Amino acid sequence: MTLIEKLKSWAQLLKMDVLMIWFATKSPQTPWLPKAICIFIVAYALSPIDLIPDFIPVLGYVDDLVLLPILIWVAIRLMPNFILQESRILADQWLKKNQSKPKSNLGFLIVAVIWLLMMWLTYLLINSQTS
């Protein structure tokens, strides 16, 4: 198996895990801490924009290759097994039916707010140094 094939396989598993977590957030039996972590993961992972744009060399993929897998690992560790199993089945059915991941407007909003805050803080920092 080539490196490209391995990366494609890994990306498919990551996509499935994000969908599984999305369904876990909808379960009323999911405990509040894993649910809070999952909501953040799903909002960010399904956002149409990234916190660090992918066109930035190396850093652009840090969130996709490092941050998301770590957060997903934490969420899976905190989640009861029966919820994970139910959510995996629902995620598999979703992918077979829709062939794509859903979009997250909340994720878009979170990333947009973070970008706006960073721009405002940069403006304040530049403005304070010129005064």
C-alpha atoms as a PDB file:
ATOM      1  CA  MET A   1       0.000   0.000   0.000  1.00  0.00           C
ATOM      2  CA  THR A   2       1.473   3.361  -1.033  1.00  0.00           C
ATOM      3  CA  LEU A   3       1.623   6.426   1.186  1.00  0.00           C
ATOM      4  CA  ILE A   4      -1.157   8.090  -0.827  1.00  0.00           C
ATOM      5  CA  GLU A   5      -3.414   5.067  -0.384  1.00  0.00           C
ATOM      6  CA  LYS A   6      -2.697   5.008   3.346  1.00  0.00           C
ATOM      7  CA  LEU A   7      -3.516   8.714   3.656  1.00  0.00           C
ATOM      8  CA  LYS A   8      -6.754   8.264   1.706  1.00  0.00           C
ATOM      9  CA  SER A   9      -7.742   5.352   3.932  1.00  0.00           C
ATOM     10  CA  TRP A  10      -6.893   7.338   7.061  1.00  0.00           C
ATOM     11  CA  ALA A  11      -8.897  10.339   5.781  1.00  0.00           C
ATOM     12  CA  GLN A  12     -11.902   8.068   5.177  1.00  0.00           C
ATOM     13  CA  LEU A  13     -11.682   6.737   8.738  1.00  0.00           C
ATOM     14  CA  LEU A  14     -11.414  10.280  10.084  1.00  0.00           C
ATOM     15  CA  LYS A  15     -14.498  11.275   8.073  1.00  0.00           C
ATOM     16  CA  MET A  16     -16.380   8.295   9.539  1.00  0.00           C
ATOM     17  CA  ASP A  17     -15.275   9.201  13.079  1.00  0.00           C
ATOM     18  CA  VAL A  18     -16.473  12.795  12.683  1.00  0.00           C
ATOM     19  CA  LEU A  19     -19.863  11.539  11.493  1.00  0.00           C
ATOM     20  CA  MET A  20     -19.993   9.026  14.338  1.00  0.00           C
ATOM     21  CA  ILE A  21     -19.309  11.843  16.810  1.00  0.00           C
ATOM     22  CA  TRP A  22     -21.967  13.978  15.109  1.00  0.00           C
ATOM     23  CA  PHE A  23     -24.529  11.253  15.755  1.00  0.00           C
ATOM     24  CA  ALA A  24     -23.258  10.790  19.327  1.00  0.00           C
ATOM     25  CA  THR A  25     -24.039  14.472  20.030  1.00  0.00           C
ATOM     26  CA  LYS A  26     -27.647  13.797  19.096  1.00  0.00           C
ATOM     27  CA  SER A  27     -28.051  10.923  21.562  1.00  0.00           C
ATOM     28  CA  PRO A  28     -29.823  11.911  24.779  1.00  0.00           C
ATOM     29  CA  GLN A  29     -27.801   9.209  26.562  1.00  0.00           C
ATOM     30  CA  THR A  30     -24.449  10.863  25.826  1.00  0.00           C
ATOM     31  CA  PRO A  31     -22.926  12.292  29.043  1.00  0.00           C
ATOM     32  CA  TRP A  32     -22.485  16.075  29.100  1.00  0.00           C
ATOM     33  CA  LEU A  33     -18.639  16.216  28.994  1.00  0.00           C
ATOM     34  CA  PRO A  34     -18.192  13.978  25.944  1.00  0.00           C
ATOM     35  CA  LYS A  35     -21.165  15.726  24.337  1.00  0.00           C
ATOM     36  CA  ALA A  36     -19.554  19.168  24.841  1.00  0.00           C
ATOM     37  CA  ILE A  37     -16.262  17.955  23.356  1.00  0.00           C
ATOM     38  CA  CYS A  38     -18.093  16.291  20.479  1.00  0.00           C
ATOM     39  CA  ILE A  39     -20.104  19.425  19.693  1.00  0.00           C
ATOM     40  CA  PHE A  40     -16.864  21.409  19.412  1.00  0.00           C
ATOM     41  CA  ILE A  41     -15.240  18.726  17.232  1.00  0.00           C
ATOM     42  CA  VAL A  42     -18.236  18.447  14.932  1.00  0.00           C
ATOM     43  CA  ALA A  43     -18.686  22.212  14.642  1.00  0.00           C
ATOM     44  CA  TYR A  44     -15.043  22.668  13.703  1.00  0.00           C
ATOM     45  CA  ALA A  45     -14.609  19.564  11.528  1.00  0.00           C
ATOM     46  CA  LEU A  46     -17.756  20.212   9.499  1.00  0.00           C
ATOM     47  CA  SER A  47     -17.155  23.946   9.185  1.00  0.00           C
ATOM     48  CA  PRO A  48     -16.761  25.101   5.584  1.00  0.00           C
ATOM     49  CA  ILE A  49     -13.659  27.121   6.610  1.00  0.00           C
ATOM     50  CA  ASP A  50     -10.575  26.197   8.647  1.00  0.00           C
ATOM     51  CA  LEU A  51      -9.008  27.999  11.572  1.00  0.00           C
ATOM     52  CA  ILE A  52      -5.652  27.674   9.806  1.00  0.00           C
ATOM     53  CA  PRO A  53      -6.254  27.793   6.025  1.00  0.00           C
ATOM     54  CA  ASP A  54      -4.878  24.753   4.177  1.00  0.00           C
ATOM     55  CA  PHE A  55      -2.919  26.893   1.715  1.00  0.00           C
ATOM     56  CA  ILE A  56      -0.480  27.927   4.485  1.00  0.00           C
ATOM     57  CA  PRO A  57       2.486  25.534   4.107  1.00  0.00           C
ATOM     58  CA  VAL A  58       2.751  22.875   6.843  1.00  0.00           C
ATOM     59  CA  LEU A  59       0.629  24.792   9.402  1.00  0.00           C
ATOM     60  CA  GLY A  60      -2.428  24.588   7.169  1.00  0.00           C
ATOM     61  CA  TYR A  61      -2.738  20.872   7.790  1.00  0.00           C
ATOM     62  CA  VAL A  62      -1.823  20.852  11.501  1.00  0.00           C
ATOM     63  CA  ASP A  63      -5.459  21.123  12.561  1.00  0.00           C
ATOM     64  CA  ASP A  64      -6.555  18.351  10.198  1.00  0.00           C
ATOM     65  CA  LEU A  65      -3.650  15.980  10.874  1.00  0.00           C
ATOM     66  CA  VAL A  66      -2.967  16.604  14.567  1.00  0.00           C
ATOM     67  CA  LEU A  67      -5.659  18.564  16.401  1.00  0.00           C
ATOM     68  CA  LEU A  68      -8.764  16.768  15.078  1.00  0.00           C
ATOM     69  CA  PRO A  69      -7.439  13.215  15.598  1.00  0.00           C
ATOM     70  CA  ILE A  70      -6.391  14.048  19.178  1.00  0.00           C
ATOM     71  CA  LEU A  71      -9.782  15.564  19.988  1.00  0.00           C
ATOM     72  CA  ILE A  72     -11.584  12.634  18.367  1.00  0.00           C
ATOM     73  CA  TRP A  73      -9.450  10.196  20.397  1.00  0.00           C
ATOM     74  CA  VAL A  74     -10.366  12.032  23.630  1.00  0.00           C
ATOM     75  CA  ALA A  75     -14.071  12.055  22.750  1.00  0.00           C
ATOM     76  CA  ILE A  76     -14.060   8.343  21.910  1.00  0.00           C
ATOM     77  CA  ARG A  77     -12.293   7.527  25.185  1.00  0.00           C
ATOM     78  CA  LEU A  78     -14.967   9.414  27.174  1.00  0.00           C
ATOM     79  CA  MET A  79     -17.942   8.000  25.266  1.00  0.00           C
ATOM     80  CA  PRO A  80     -19.842   4.896  26.470  1.00  0.00           C
ATOM     81  CA  ASN A  81     -19.331   1.964  24.064  1.00  0.00           C
ATOM     82  CA  PHE A  82     -23.015   1.412  23.300  1.00  0.00           C
ATOM     83  CA  ILE A  83     -23.350   5.026  22.103  1.00  0.00           C
ATOM     84  CA  LEU A  84     -20.249   4.639  19.918  1.00  0.00           C
ATOM     85  CA  GLN A  85     -21.643   1.462  18.360  1.00  0.00           C
ATOM     86  CA  GLU A  86     -25.054   3.026  17.650  1.00  0.00           C
ATOM     87  CA  SER A  87     -23.405   6.169  16.271  1.00  0.00           C
ATOM     88  CA  ARG A  88     -21.047   4.177  14.000  1.00  0.00           C
ATOM     89  CA  ILE A  89     -24.015   2.343  12.492  1.00  0.00           C
ATOM     90  CA  LEU A  90     -25.842   5.637  11.877  1.00  0.00           C
ATOM     91  CA  ALA A  91     -22.697   7.210  10.376  1.00  0.00           C
ATOM     92  CA  ASP A  92     -22.232   4.260   8.019  1.00  0.00           C
ATOM     93  CA  GLN A  93     -25.884   4.490   6.922  1.00  0.00           C
ATOM     94  CA  TRP A  94     -25.501   8.255   6.380  1.00  0.00           C
ATOM     95  CA  LEU A  95     -22.444   7.805   4.164  1.00  0.00           C
ATOM     96  CA  LYS A  96     -24.126   5.089   2.107  1.00  0.00           C
ATOM     97  CA  LYS A  97     -27.197   7.268   1.596  1.00  0.00           C
ATOM     98  CA  ASN A  98     -25.681  10.757   1.218  1.00  0.00           C
ATOM     99  CA  GLN A  99     -22.113  10.119   0.009  1.00  0.00           C
ATOM    100  CA  SER A 100     -20.939  13.291   1.775  1.00  0.00           C
ATOM    101  CA  LYS A 101     -20.507  14.857   5.179  1.00  0.00           C
ATOM    102  CA  PRO A 102     -22.997  17.412   6.493  1.00  0.00           C
ATOM    103  CA  LYS A 103     -22.003  21.080   6.883  1.00  0.00           C
ATOM    104  CA  SER A 104     -21.833  22.968  10.175  1.00  0.00           C
ATOM    105  CA  ASN A 105     -23.012  26.562  10.333  1.00  0.00           C
ATOM    106  CA  LEU A 106     -22.000  26.655  14.003  1.00  0.00           C
ATOM    107  CA  GLY A 107     -18.470  25.667  13.003  1.00  0.00           C
ATOM    108  CA  PHE A 108     -18.382  28.442  10.423  1.00  0.00           C
ATOM    109  CA  LEU A 109     -19.510  30.915  13.082  1.00  0.00           C
ATOM    110  CA  ILE A 110     -16.910  29.717  15.613  1.00  0.00           C
ATOM    111  CA  VAL A 111     -14.051  29.961  13.127  1.00  0.00           C
ATOM    112  CA  ALA A 112     -15.248  33.352  11.847  1.00  0.00           C
ATOM    113  CA  VAL A 113     -15.433  34.739  15.404  1.00  0.00           C
ATOM    114  CA  ILE A 114     -11.928  33.448  16.184  1.00  0.00           C
ATOM    115  CA  TRP A 115     -10.581  35.099  13.009  1.00  0.00           C
ATOM    116  CA  LEU A 116     -12.313  38.376  13.864  1.00  0.00           C
ATOM    117  CA  LEU A 117     -10.915  38.281  17.413  1.00  0.00           C
ATOM    118  CA  MET A 118      -7.409  37.620  16.089  1.00  0.00           C
ATOM    119  CA  MET A 119      -7.692  40.555  13.683  1.00  0.00           C
ATOM    120  CA  TRP A 120      -8.986  42.834  16.454  1.00  0.00           C
ATOM    121  CA  LEU A 121      -6.183  41.787  18.825  1.00  0.00           C
ATOM    122  CA  THR A 122      -3.622  42.349  16.067  1.00  0.00           C
ATOM    123  CA  TYR A 123      -5.055  45.802  15.458  1.00  0.00           C
ATOM    124  CA  LEU A 124      -4.858  46.593  19.189  1.00  0.00           C
ATOM    125  CA  LEU A 125      -1.300  45.331  19.384  1.00  0.00           C
ATOM    126  CA  ILE A 126      -0.164  47.359  16.366  1.00  0.00           C
ATOM    127  CA  ASN A 127      -2.045  50.423  17.551  1.00  0.00           C
ATOM    128  CA  SER A 128      -0.535  50.257  21.060  1.00  0.00           C
ATOM    129  CA  GLN A 129       3.001  50.040  19.683  1.00  0.00           C
ATOM    130  CA  THR A 130       2.585  53.052  17.432  1.00  0.00           C
ATOM    131  CA  SER A 131       1.239  55.243  20.233  1.00  0.00           C
END
